Amino acid sequence: MENLQQVTRDLTTLLSEFAQQTPLKKGQLFIVGCSTSEVKGKKIGTAGGLEIAEALYKPLSVFAKEYDLALAFQGCEHINRALTMERATAARYDLEEVAVIPVVTAGGSMSTYAYNQLDDPIVVEEAQGHAGVDIGQTLIGMHLKKVAVPVRTSIKQIGEAIVTVASTRPKRIGGERAVYTID
């Protein structure tokens, strides 16, 4: 696996390129899905690492602060892909807390690391994020608003993990006379 500094640099570049292409609004919910095992080049859920989670958390935290976004970290299948976030974020979006604490073996390294870094962490079962990053094909789509829009960046992998980043847009409704933008 590449060194941790390269992992951090690649995620920083990806997030910067994403922000250049996507209009981000204050307070939006940004979903983070991550398999640290995949970053290592191993099968998802088999070789997680808190050191990788730490290397990824730093640029995510800086990105969220710079754009005033709320982060939500998707756990693994063993906690039904529940989301770790700040209690204030859950309150802002009226999300219901569930009784689980992510650990490396049930929640994953990224969610566990985030839980231990956040000021007042809680876990919620589901949310509808405005955008997100999926490192290692963890399938964050279940936690994005209905119309996800993939955003292409120069970064295709973080370590050995395939990475996808997406924003969302409102559904377009109406027929042939509908108008979607104001000139």
N, C-alpha and C. Protein backbone atom coordinates (compact mmCIF):
# COMPACT_ATOMS: atom_id res chain seq x y z
N MET A 1 0.83 -1.19 0.00
CA MET A 1 0.00 0.00 0.00
C MET A 1 0.87 1.25 0.00
N GLU A 2 0.36 2.29 -0.64
CA GLU A 2 1.08 3.56 -0.64
C GLU A 2 1.20 4.07 0.79
N ASN A 3 2.12 5.00 0.98
CA ASN A 3 2.27 5.52 2.34
C ASN A 3 1.08 6.39 2.75
N LEU A 4 0.94 6.60 4.02
CA LEU A 4 -0.21 7.33 4.54
C LEU A 4 -0.23 8.78 4.10
N GLN A 5 0.94 9.38 3.92
CA GLN A 5 0.98 10.77 3.46
C GLN A 5 0.41 10.89 2.05
N GLN A 6 0.66 9.88 1.21
CA GLN A 6 0.11 9.89 -0.15
C GLN A 6 -1.40 9.74 -0.11
N VAL A 7 -1.89 8.89 0.76
CA VAL A 7 -3.34 8.71 0.94
C VAL A 7 -3.97 10.04 1.33
N THR A 8 -3.38 10.74 2.27
CA THR A 8 -3.87 12.04 2.70
C THR A 8 -3.83 13.05 1.55
N ARG A 9 -2.73 13.09 0.82
CA ARG A 9 -2.60 14.02 -0.32
C ARG A 9 -3.65 13.73 -1.39
N ASP A 10 -3.85 12.46 -1.70
CA ASP A 10 -4.82 12.11 -2.74
C ASP A 10 -6.24 12.50 -2.34
N LEU A 11 -6.60 12.27 -1.09
CA LEU A 11 -7.94 12.65 -0.65
C LEU A 11 -8.08 14.17 -0.63
N THR A 12 -7.05 14.87 -0.24
CA THR A 12 -7.08 16.34 -0.25
C THR A 12 -7.31 16.84 -1.67
N THR A 13 -6.60 16.29 -2.64
CA THR A 13 -6.76 16.67 -4.05
C THR A 13 -8.17 16.37 -4.53
N LEU A 14 -8.66 15.17 -4.23
CA LEU A 14 -10.00 14.78 -4.64
C LEU A 14 -11.04 15.76 -4.09
N LEU A 15 -10.96 16.08 -2.82
CA LEU A 15 -11.94 16.97 -2.20
C LEU A 15 -11.86 18.37 -2.78
N SER A 16 -10.66 18.84 -3.07
CA SER A 16 -10.49 20.15 -3.68
C SER A 16 -11.11 20.19 -5.08
N GLU A 17 -10.84 19.18 -5.88
CA GLU A 17 -11.42 19.11 -7.22
C GLU A 17 -12.94 18.99 -7.17
N PHE A 18 -13.44 18.23 -6.21
CA PHE A 18 -14.88 18.10 -6.02
C PHE A 18 -15.50 19.46 -5.72
N ALA A 19 -14.91 20.20 -4.79
CA ALA A 19 -15.44 21.51 -4.40
C ALA A 19 -15.41 22.50 -5.56
N GLN A 20 -14.43 22.38 -6.44
CA GLN A 20 -14.36 23.27 -7.61
C GLN A 20 -15.51 23.01 -8.58
N GLN A 21 -16.04 21.80 -8.58
CA GLN A 21 -17.08 21.42 -9.53
C GLN A 21 -18.49 21.43 -8.95
N THR A 22 -18.60 21.53 -7.64
CA THR A 22 -19.88 21.35 -6.97
C THR A 22 -20.19 22.55 -6.08
N PRO A 23 -21.35 23.16 -6.27
CA PRO A 23 -21.72 24.26 -5.36
C PRO A 23 -22.11 23.70 -3.99
N LEU A 24 -21.29 23.94 -2.99
CA LEU A 24 -21.55 23.46 -1.64
C LEU A 24 -22.18 24.58 -0.82
N LYS A 25 -23.17 24.22 -0.02
CA LYS A 25 -23.86 25.20 0.81
C LYS A 25 -23.61 24.91 2.28
N LYS A 26 -23.52 25.98 3.04
CA LYS A 26 -23.30 25.88 4.49
C LYS A 26 -24.29 24.91 5.13
N GLY A 27 -23.75 24.04 5.97
CA GLY A 27 -24.57 23.13 6.74
C GLY A 27 -24.98 21.85 6.04
N GLN A 28 -24.61 21.69 4.77
CA GLN A 28 -25.00 20.47 4.06
C GLN A 28 -24.36 19.24 4.70
N LEU A 29 -25.04 18.11 4.53
CA LEU A 29 -24.59 16.84 5.08
C LEU A 29 -23.74 16.10 4.04
N PHE A 30 -22.50 15.79 4.41
CA PHE A 30 -21.54 15.12 3.54
C PHE A 30 -21.29 13.72 4.09
N ILE A 31 -21.65 12.71 3.30
CA ILE A 31 -21.54 11.31 3.72
C ILE A 31 -20.15 10.78 3.36
N VAL A 32 -19.54 10.07 4.29
CA VAL A 32 -18.23 9.45 4.07
C VAL A 32 -18.38 7.94 4.25
N GLY A 33 -18.13 7.21 3.19
CA GLY A 33 -18.06 5.76 3.27
C GLY A 33 -16.62 5.36 3.01
N CYS A 34 -16.08 4.46 3.80
CA CYS A 34 -14.67 4.11 3.63
C CYS A 34 -14.37 2.71 4.13
N SER A 35 -13.72 1.94 3.27
CA SER A 35 -13.16 0.66 3.68
C SER A 35 -11.64 0.85 3.78
N THR A 36 -11.14 0.90 4.99
CA THR A 36 -9.68 1.01 5.14
C THR A 36 -9.00 -0.27 4.66
N SER A 37 -9.72 -1.38 4.69
CA SER A 37 -9.17 -2.63 4.14
C SER A 37 -8.90 -2.47 2.65
N GLU A 38 -9.85 -1.91 1.93
CA GLU A 38 -9.70 -1.69 0.49
C GLU A 38 -8.55 -0.72 0.21
N VAL A 39 -8.41 0.30 1.05
CA VAL A 39 -7.28 1.23 0.87
C VAL A 39 -5.97 0.46 0.94
N LYS A 40 -5.91 -0.54 1.83
CA LYS A 40 -4.71 -1.39 1.96
C LYS A 40 -4.55 -2.38 0.81
N GLY A 41 -5.59 -2.52 -0.01
CA GLY A 41 -5.54 -3.49 -1.09
C GLY A 41 -6.09 -4.85 -0.70
N LYS A 42 -6.81 -4.91 0.40
CA LYS A 42 -7.41 -6.15 0.90
C LYS A 42 -8.92 -6.11 0.68
N LYS A 43 -9.56 -7.26 0.83
CA LYS A 43 -11.01 -7.36 0.68
C LYS A 43 -11.70 -6.55 1.77
N ILE A 44 -12.76 -5.84 1.40
CA ILE A 44 -13.53 -5.04 2.33
C ILE A 44 -13.87 -5.84 3.59
N GLY A 45 -13.65 -5.24 4.74
CA GLY A 45 -13.99 -5.87 6.02
C GLY A 45 -13.00 -6.88 6.55
N THR A 46 -11.80 -6.97 5.95
CA THR A 46 -10.87 -8.02 6.39
C THR A 46 -9.58 -7.53 7.03
N ALA A 47 -9.23 -6.27 6.82
CA ALA A 47 -7.91 -5.82 7.29
C ALA A 47 -7.89 -4.34 7.64
N GLY A 48 -8.95 -3.88 8.27
CA GLY A 48 -9.08 -2.47 8.59
C GLY A 48 -7.91 -1.91 9.38
N GLY A 49 -7.79 -0.60 9.34
CA GLY A 49 -6.69 0.03 10.06
C GLY A 49 -7.02 1.42 10.54
N LEU A 50 -6.90 1.64 11.84
CA LEU A 50 -7.15 2.97 12.40
C LEU A 50 -6.14 3.99 11.91
N GLU A 51 -4.92 3.55 11.57
CA GLU A 51 -3.92 4.50 11.07
C GLU A 51 -4.35 5.07 9.72
N ILE A 52 -5.01 4.27 8.90
CA ILE A 52 -5.53 4.76 7.62
C ILE A 52 -6.71 5.69 7.88
N ALA A 53 -7.59 5.31 8.79
CA ALA A 53 -8.72 6.16 9.15
C ALA A 53 -8.22 7.54 9.61
N GLU A 54 -7.19 7.55 10.42
CA GLU A 54 -6.63 8.82 10.89
C GLU A 54 -6.11 9.66 9.71
N ALA A 55 -5.40 9.02 8.79
CA ALA A 55 -4.85 9.73 7.63
C ALA A 55 -5.96 10.31 6.75
N LEU A 56 -7.11 9.66 6.70
CA LEU A 56 -8.23 10.13 5.90
C LEU A 56 -9.09 11.15 6.65
N TYR A 57 -9.18 10.99 7.95
CA TYR A 57 -10.01 11.89 8.74
C TYR A 57 -9.51 13.33 8.67
N LYS A 58 -8.21 13.50 8.69
CA LYS A 58 -7.64 14.85 8.70
C LYS A 58 -8.11 15.69 7.51
N PRO A 59 -7.94 15.26 6.26
CA PRO A 59 -8.40 16.09 5.15
C PRO A 59 -9.93 16.23 5.10
N LEU A 60 -10.65 15.21 5.55
CA LEU A 60 -12.11 15.33 5.60
C LEU A 60 -12.53 16.40 6.58
N SER A 61 -11.88 16.43 7.73
CA SER A 61 -12.17 17.43 8.75
C SER A 61 -11.86 18.84 8.26
N VAL A 62 -10.73 19.01 7.61
CA VAL A 62 -10.35 20.33 7.05
C VAL A 62 -11.35 20.76 5.99
N PHE A 63 -11.72 19.85 5.10
CA PHE A 63 -12.69 20.11 4.05
C PHE A 63 -14.03 20.54 4.64
N ALA A 64 -14.51 19.80 5.63
CA ALA A 64 -15.79 20.12 6.26
C ALA A 64 -15.75 21.50 6.91
N LYS A 65 -14.67 21.80 7.58
CA LYS A 65 -14.54 23.10 8.24
C LYS A 65 -14.49 24.23 7.20
N GLU A 66 -13.72 24.04 6.14
CA GLU A 66 -13.57 25.07 5.10
C GLU A 66 -14.91 25.41 4.45
N TYR A 67 -15.74 24.41 4.20
CA TYR A 67 -17.02 24.63 3.51
C TYR A 67 -18.22 24.59 4.46
N ASP A 68 -17.96 24.52 5.75
CA ASP A 68 -19.00 24.49 6.78
C ASP A 68 -20.01 23.38 6.52
N LEU A 69 -19.48 22.17 6.31
CA LEU A 69 -20.30 20.99 6.07
C LEU A 69 -20.36 20.13 7.32
N ALA A 70 -21.40 19.33 7.42
CA ALA A 70 -21.54 18.36 8.50
C ALA A 70 -21.15 16.99 7.95
N LEU A 71 -20.25 16.31 8.63
CA LEU A 71 -19.81 14.99 8.20
C LEU A 71 -20.62 13.89 8.86
N ALA A 72 -20.88 12.82 8.08
CA ALA A 72 -21.52 11.62 8.60
C ALA A 72 -20.73 10.44 8.06
N PHE A 73 -20.25 9.59 8.96
CA PHE A 73 -19.38 8.47 8.60
C PHE A 73 -20.17 7.17 8.61
N GLN A 74 -20.28 6.56 7.43
CA GLN A 74 -21.04 5.32 7.30
C GLN A 74 -20.27 4.15 7.88
N GLY A 75 -20.93 3.40 8.72
CA GLY A 75 -20.35 2.19 9.27
C GLY A 75 -20.50 1.03 8.31
N CYS A 76 -19.95 -0.10 8.69
CA CYS A 76 -20.00 -1.28 7.83
C CYS A 76 -21.33 -2.02 7.97
N GLU A 77 -21.45 -3.09 7.23
CA GLU A 77 -22.71 -3.85 7.21
C GLU A 77 -23.09 -4.43 8.57
N HIS A 78 -22.12 -4.62 9.45
CA HIS A 78 -22.41 -5.21 10.76
C HIS A 78 -23.21 -4.29 11.67
N ILE A 79 -23.27 -3.01 11.33
CA ILE A 79 -24.18 -2.08 12.03
C ILE A 79 -25.16 -1.48 11.01
N ASN A 80 -25.43 -2.25 9.98
CA ASN A 80 -26.41 -1.87 8.94
C ASN A 80 -26.09 -0.53 8.27
N ARG A 81 -24.81 -0.26 8.13
CA ARG A 81 -24.32 0.96 7.49
C ARG A 81 -24.85 2.24 8.15
N ALA A 82 -25.07 2.17 9.45
CA ALA A 82 -25.51 3.33 10.22
C ALA A 82 -24.44 4.41 10.17
N LEU A 83 -24.83 5.63 10.49
CA LEU A 83 -23.97 6.80 10.33
C LEU A 83 -23.57 7.41 11.67
N THR A 84 -22.27 7.65 11.81
CA THR A 84 -21.73 8.33 12.98
C THR A 84 -21.61 9.82 12.66
N MET A 85 -22.11 10.66 13.56
CA MET A 85 -22.08 12.11 13.34
C MET A 85 -22.18 12.83 14.67
N GLU A 86 -22.04 14.14 14.62
CA GLU A 86 -22.24 14.97 15.80
C GLU A 86 -23.72 14.99 16.18
N ARG A 87 -24.00 15.00 17.46
CA ARG A 87 -25.38 15.08 17.96
C ARG A 87 -26.09 16.31 17.37
N ALA A 88 -25.39 17.42 17.27
CA ALA A 88 -26.00 18.65 16.73
C ALA A 88 -26.42 18.47 15.27
N THR A 89 -25.66 17.70 14.52
CA THR A 89 -26.01 17.43 13.13
C THR A 89 -27.30 16.62 13.07
N ALA A 90 -27.38 15.59 13.88
CA ALA A 90 -28.59 14.76 13.93
C ALA A 90 -29.80 15.62 14.31
N ALA A 91 -29.63 16.51 15.27
CA ALA A 91 -30.73 17.38 15.69
C ALA A 91 -31.14 18.31 14.55
N ARG A 92 -30.16 18.88 13.85
CA ARG A 92 -30.45 19.80 12.74
C ARG A 92 -31.29 19.12 11.67
N TYR A 93 -31.02 17.85 11.40
CA TYR A 93 -31.73 17.11 10.35
C TYR A 93 -32.84 16.21 10.91
N ASP A 94 -33.13 16.34 12.19
CA ASP A 94 -34.19 15.57 12.85
C ASP A 94 -34.01 14.07 12.62
N LEU A 95 -32.80 13.59 12.90
CA LEU A 95 -32.47 12.18 12.73
C LEU A 95 -32.50 11.47 14.08
N GLU A 96 -33.01 10.27 14.08
CA GLU A 96 -33.17 9.52 15.32
C GLU A 96 -31.92 8.73 15.67
N GLU A 97 -31.47 8.88 16.89
CA GLU A 97 -30.30 8.15 17.39
C GLU A 97 -30.64 6.68 17.56
N VAL A 98 -29.67 5.81 17.27
CA VAL A 98 -29.81 4.39 17.55
C VAL A 98 -28.75 3.99 18.57
N ALA A 99 -28.97 2.85 19.22
CA ALA A 99 -28.09 2.41 20.30
C ALA A 99 -27.01 1.47 19.75
N VAL A 100 -25.90 2.05 19.34
CA VAL A 100 -24.73 1.28 18.92
C VAL A 100 -23.53 2.21 18.96
N ILE A 101 -22.41 1.66 19.27
CA ILE A 101 -21.14 2.38 19.20
C ILE A 101 -20.27 1.63 18.22
N PRO A 102 -19.81 2.29 17.15
CA PRO A 102 -18.97 1.58 16.19
C PRO A 102 -17.63 1.18 16.81
N VAL A 103 -17.22 -0.03 16.48
CA VAL A 103 -15.90 -0.54 16.84
C VAL A 103 -15.30 -1.12 15.56
N VAL A 104 -14.02 -1.35 15.55
CA VAL A 104 -13.34 -1.79 14.33
C VAL A 104 -14.01 -3.02 13.73
N THR A 105 -14.42 -3.98 14.56
CA THR A 105 -14.99 -5.23 14.06
C THR A 105 -16.49 -5.16 13.79
N ALA A 106 -17.14 -4.09 14.17
CA ALA A 106 -18.56 -3.89 13.89
C ALA A 106 -18.82 -2.39 13.79
N GLY A 107 -18.57 -1.89 12.62
CA GLY A 107 -18.68 -0.46 12.36
C GLY A 107 -17.58 -0.01 11.42
N GLY A 108 -16.42 -0.63 11.57
CA GLY A 108 -15.29 -0.31 10.71
C GLY A 108 -14.37 0.72 11.31
N SER A 109 -13.16 0.75 10.80
CA SER A 109 -12.12 1.64 11.33
C SER A 109 -12.45 3.11 11.14
N MET A 110 -13.01 3.50 9.98
CA MET A 110 -13.28 4.91 9.73
C MET A 110 -14.36 5.43 10.67
N SER A 111 -15.45 4.70 10.79
CA SER A 111 -16.54 5.11 11.67
C SER A 111 -16.09 5.11 13.13
N THR A 112 -15.29 4.12 13.50
CA THR A 112 -14.77 4.04 14.86
C THR A 112 -13.86 5.22 15.17
N TYR A 113 -12.95 5.51 14.24
CA TYR A 113 -12.03 6.63 14.44
C TYR A 113 -12.82 7.94 14.57
N ALA A 114 -13.79 8.13 13.67
CA ALA A 114 -14.59 9.36 13.72
C ALA A 114 -15.33 9.47 15.04
N TYR A 115 -15.93 8.38 15.50
CA TYR A 115 -16.67 8.39 16.76
C TYR A 115 -15.78 8.90 17.90
N ASN A 116 -14.53 8.51 17.87
CA ASN A 116 -13.59 8.90 18.93
C ASN A 116 -13.01 10.30 18.75
N GLN A 117 -13.24 10.92 17.59
CA GLN A 117 -12.73 12.27 17.35
C GLN A 117 -13.81 13.33 17.53
N LEU A 118 -15.05 12.98 17.29
CA LEU A 118 -16.14 13.96 17.34
C LEU A 118 -16.38 14.43 18.77
N ASP A 119 -16.88 15.66 18.91
CA ASP A 119 -17.12 16.24 20.23
C ASP A 119 -18.25 15.54 20.98
N ASP A 120 -19.35 15.29 20.30
CA ASP A 120 -20.52 14.68 20.92
C ASP A 120 -21.12 13.69 19.91
N PRO A 121 -20.46 12.53 19.72
CA PRO A 121 -20.87 11.61 18.67
C PRO A 121 -22.12 10.81 19.00
N ILE A 122 -22.92 10.58 17.98
CA ILE A 122 -24.02 9.63 18.08
C ILE A 122 -24.08 8.87 16.75
N VAL A 123 -24.91 7.85 16.72
CA VAL A 123 -25.11 7.07 15.51
C VAL A 123 -26.59 7.11 15.15
N VAL A 124 -26.87 7.31 13.87
CA VAL A 124 -28.24 7.30 13.36
C VAL A 124 -28.33 6.21 12.30
N GLU A 125 -29.53 5.72 12.09
CA GLU A 125 -29.70 4.61 11.15
C GLU A 125 -29.66 5.04 9.70
N GLU A 126 -30.19 6.23 9.42
CA GLU A 126 -30.23 6.67 8.03
C GLU A 126 -30.28 8.18 7.95
N ALA A 127 -29.88 8.68 6.79
CA ALA A 127 -29.93 10.11 6.51
C ALA A 127 -29.99 10.28 5.00
N GLN A 128 -30.21 11.50 4.58
CA GLN A 128 -30.23 11.83 3.16
C GLN A 128 -29.23 12.96 2.92
N GLY A 129 -27.99 12.58 2.65
CA GLY A 129 -26.92 13.55 2.47
C GLY A 129 -27.00 14.29 1.15
N HIS A 130 -26.36 15.45 1.12
CA HIS A 130 -26.32 16.29 -0.07
C HIS A 130 -25.18 15.91 -1.01
N ALA A 131 -24.17 15.25 -0.47
CA ALA A 131 -23.00 14.86 -1.26
C ALA A 131 -22.22 13.84 -0.44
N GLY A 132 -21.21 13.25 -1.07
CA GLY A 132 -20.42 12.29 -0.31
C GLY A 132 -19.27 11.72 -1.11
N VAL A 133 -18.43 11.00 -0.37
CA VAL A 133 -17.30 10.29 -0.96
C VAL A 133 -17.37 8.84 -0.52
N ASP A 134 -17.13 7.95 -1.47
CA ASP A 134 -17.17 6.52 -1.22
C ASP A 134 -15.80 5.94 -1.56
N ILE A 135 -15.06 5.57 -0.54
CA ILE A 135 -13.71 5.04 -0.70
C ILE A 135 -13.76 3.53 -0.49
N GLY A 136 -13.65 2.79 -1.58
CA GLY A 136 -13.64 1.34 -1.47
C GLY A 136 -14.98 0.67 -1.75
N GLN A 137 -15.84 1.34 -2.48
CA GLN A 137 -17.13 0.78 -2.89
C GLN A 137 -17.98 0.30 -1.71
N THR A 138 -18.18 1.19 -0.75
CA THR A 138 -18.98 0.87 0.43
C THR A 138 -20.46 1.16 0.24
N LEU A 139 -20.83 1.67 -0.92
CA LEU A 139 -22.23 1.88 -1.30
C LEU A 139 -22.95 2.93 -0.45
N ILE A 140 -22.46 4.17 -0.51
CA ILE A 140 -23.07 5.26 0.26
C ILE A 140 -24.38 5.74 -0.35
N GLY A 141 -24.73 5.28 -1.53
CA GLY A 141 -25.92 5.77 -2.22
C GLY A 141 -27.18 5.69 -1.39
N MET A 142 -27.26 4.72 -0.49
CA MET A 142 -28.45 4.58 0.36
C MET A 142 -28.61 5.77 1.31
N HIS A 143 -27.55 6.56 1.47
CA HIS A 143 -27.60 7.72 2.37
C HIS A 143 -27.51 9.05 1.64
N LEU A 144 -27.72 9.04 0.32
CA LEU A 144 -27.73 10.28 -0.44
C LEU A 144 -29.16 10.62 -0.86
N LYS A 145 -29.41 11.90 -1.09
CA LYS A 145 -30.72 12.31 -1.60
C LYS A 145 -30.99 11.59 -2.92
N LYS A 146 -32.24 11.61 -3.35
CA LYS A 146 -32.71 10.76 -4.45
C LYS A 146 -31.94 10.86 -5.76
N VAL A 147 -31.51 12.04 -6.17
CA VAL A 147 -30.84 12.13 -7.46
C VAL A 147 -29.35 12.42 -7.24
N ALA A 148 -28.57 11.34 -7.22
CA ALA A 148 -27.12 11.46 -7.04
C ALA A 148 -26.48 11.75 -8.39
N VAL A 149 -25.47 12.62 -8.37
CA VAL A 149 -24.77 13.01 -9.59
C VAL A 149 -23.28 12.73 -9.38
N PRO A 150 -22.72 11.75 -10.13
CA PRO A 150 -21.29 11.48 -9.97
C PRO A 150 -20.46 12.68 -10.41
N VAL A 151 -19.38 12.93 -9.70
CA VAL A 151 -18.46 14.01 -10.03
C VAL A 151 -17.11 13.38 -10.34
N ARG A 152 -16.56 13.68 -11.48
CA ARG A 152 -15.29 13.10 -11.90
C ARG A 152 -14.12 13.97 -11.43
N THR A 153 -13.12 13.34 -10.86
CA THR A 153 -11.90 14.03 -10.46
C THR A 153 -10.71 13.27 -11.03
N SER A 154 -9.55 13.82 -10.89
CA SER A 154 -8.34 13.15 -11.38
C SER A 154 -7.95 11.97 -10.49
N ILE A 155 -8.48 11.92 -9.28
CA ILE A 155 -8.16 10.84 -8.34
C ILE A 155 -9.18 9.72 -8.51
N LYS A 156 -8.72 8.57 -8.92
CA LYS A 156 -9.60 7.41 -9.14
C LYS A 156 -9.48 6.38 -8.02
N GLN A 157 -8.39 6.46 -7.27
CA GLN A 157 -8.15 5.54 -6.16
C GLN A 157 -7.53 6.28 -5.00
N ILE A 158 -7.85 5.82 -3.79
CA ILE A 158 -7.18 6.25 -2.58
C ILE A 158 -6.47 4.99 -2.08
N GLY A 159 -5.16 5.00 -2.09
CA GLY A 159 -4.44 3.76 -1.85
C GLY A 159 -4.83 2.80 -2.95
N GLU A 160 -5.31 1.62 -2.58
CA GLU A 160 -5.76 0.63 -3.56
C GLU A 160 -7.27 0.64 -3.74
N ALA A 161 -7.98 1.51 -3.04
CA ALA A 161 -9.44 1.53 -3.07
C ALA A 161 -9.97 2.41 -4.19
N ILE A 162 -10.94 1.89 -4.93
CA ILE A 162 -11.65 2.69 -5.92
C ILE A 162 -12.42 3.76 -5.16
N VAL A 163 -12.40 4.99 -5.69
CA VAL A 163 -13.09 6.09 -5.01
C VAL A 163 -14.08 6.75 -5.96
N THR A 164 -15.25 7.06 -5.41
CA THR A 164 -16.30 7.75 -6.15
C THR A 164 -16.77 8.91 -5.29
N VAL A 165 -17.05 10.02 -5.94
CA VAL A 165 -17.57 11.18 -5.22
C VAL A 165 -18.83 11.64 -5.95
N ALA A 166 -19.81 12.10 -5.19
CA ALA A 166 -21.09 12.49 -5.79
C ALA A 166 -21.70 13.68 -5.08
N SER A 167 -22.43 14.46 -5.85
CA SER A 167 -23.29 15.49 -5.28
C SER A 167 -24.73 15.02 -5.55
N THR A 168 -25.69 15.83 -5.18
CA THR A 168 -27.07 15.50 -5.47
C THR A 168 -27.76 16.73 -6.02
N ARG A 169 -28.90 16.52 -6.63
CA ARG A 169 -29.72 17.64 -7.10
C ARG A 169 -31.18 17.29 -6.83
N PRO A 170 -32.04 18.32 -6.78
CA PRO A 170 -33.46 18.02 -6.59
C PRO A 170 -34.02 17.24 -7.77
N LYS A 171 -35.07 16.46 -7.53
CA LYS A 171 -35.77 15.77 -8.61
C LYS A 171 -36.36 16.81 -9.55
N ARG A 172 -36.36 16.51 -10.83
CA ARG A 172 -37.03 17.37 -11.80
C ARG A 172 -38.40 16.76 -12.06
N ILE A 173 -39.42 17.56 -11.83
CA ILE A 173 -40.77 17.06 -12.02
C ILE A 173 -41.48 17.91 -13.06
N GLY A 174 -42.56 17.43 -13.57
CA GLY A 174 -43.34 18.18 -14.55
C GLY A 174 -43.20 17.59 -15.93
N GLY A 175 -43.87 18.19 -16.84
CA GLY A 175 -43.87 17.72 -18.22
C GLY A 175 -43.09 18.64 -19.13
N GLU A 176 -43.48 18.64 -20.40
CA GLU A 176 -42.71 19.37 -21.40
C GLU A 176 -42.72 20.88 -21.20
N ARG A 177 -43.65 21.42 -20.42
CA ARG A 177 -43.69 22.86 -20.17
C ARG A 177 -42.95 23.27 -18.91
N ALA A 178 -42.46 22.32 -18.18
CA ALA A 178 -41.78 22.62 -16.91
C ALA A 178 -40.50 23.42 -17.16
N VAL A 179 -40.18 24.28 -16.20
CA VAL A 179 -38.98 25.10 -16.24
C VAL A 179 -38.13 24.71 -15.02
N TYR A 180 -36.82 24.54 -15.23
CA TYR A 180 -35.94 24.09 -14.15
C TYR A 180 -34.93 25.12 -13.69
N THR A 181 -34.72 26.16 -14.49
CA THR A 181 -33.80 27.22 -14.09
C THR A 181 -34.41 28.57 -14.41
N ILE A 182 -34.02 29.56 -13.65
CA ILE A 182 -34.45 30.92 -13.91
C ILE A 182 -33.30 31.65 -14.59
N ASP A 183 -33.59 32.22 -15.74
CA ASP A 183 -32.53 32.93 -16.50
C ASP A 183 -32.21 34.26 -15.90
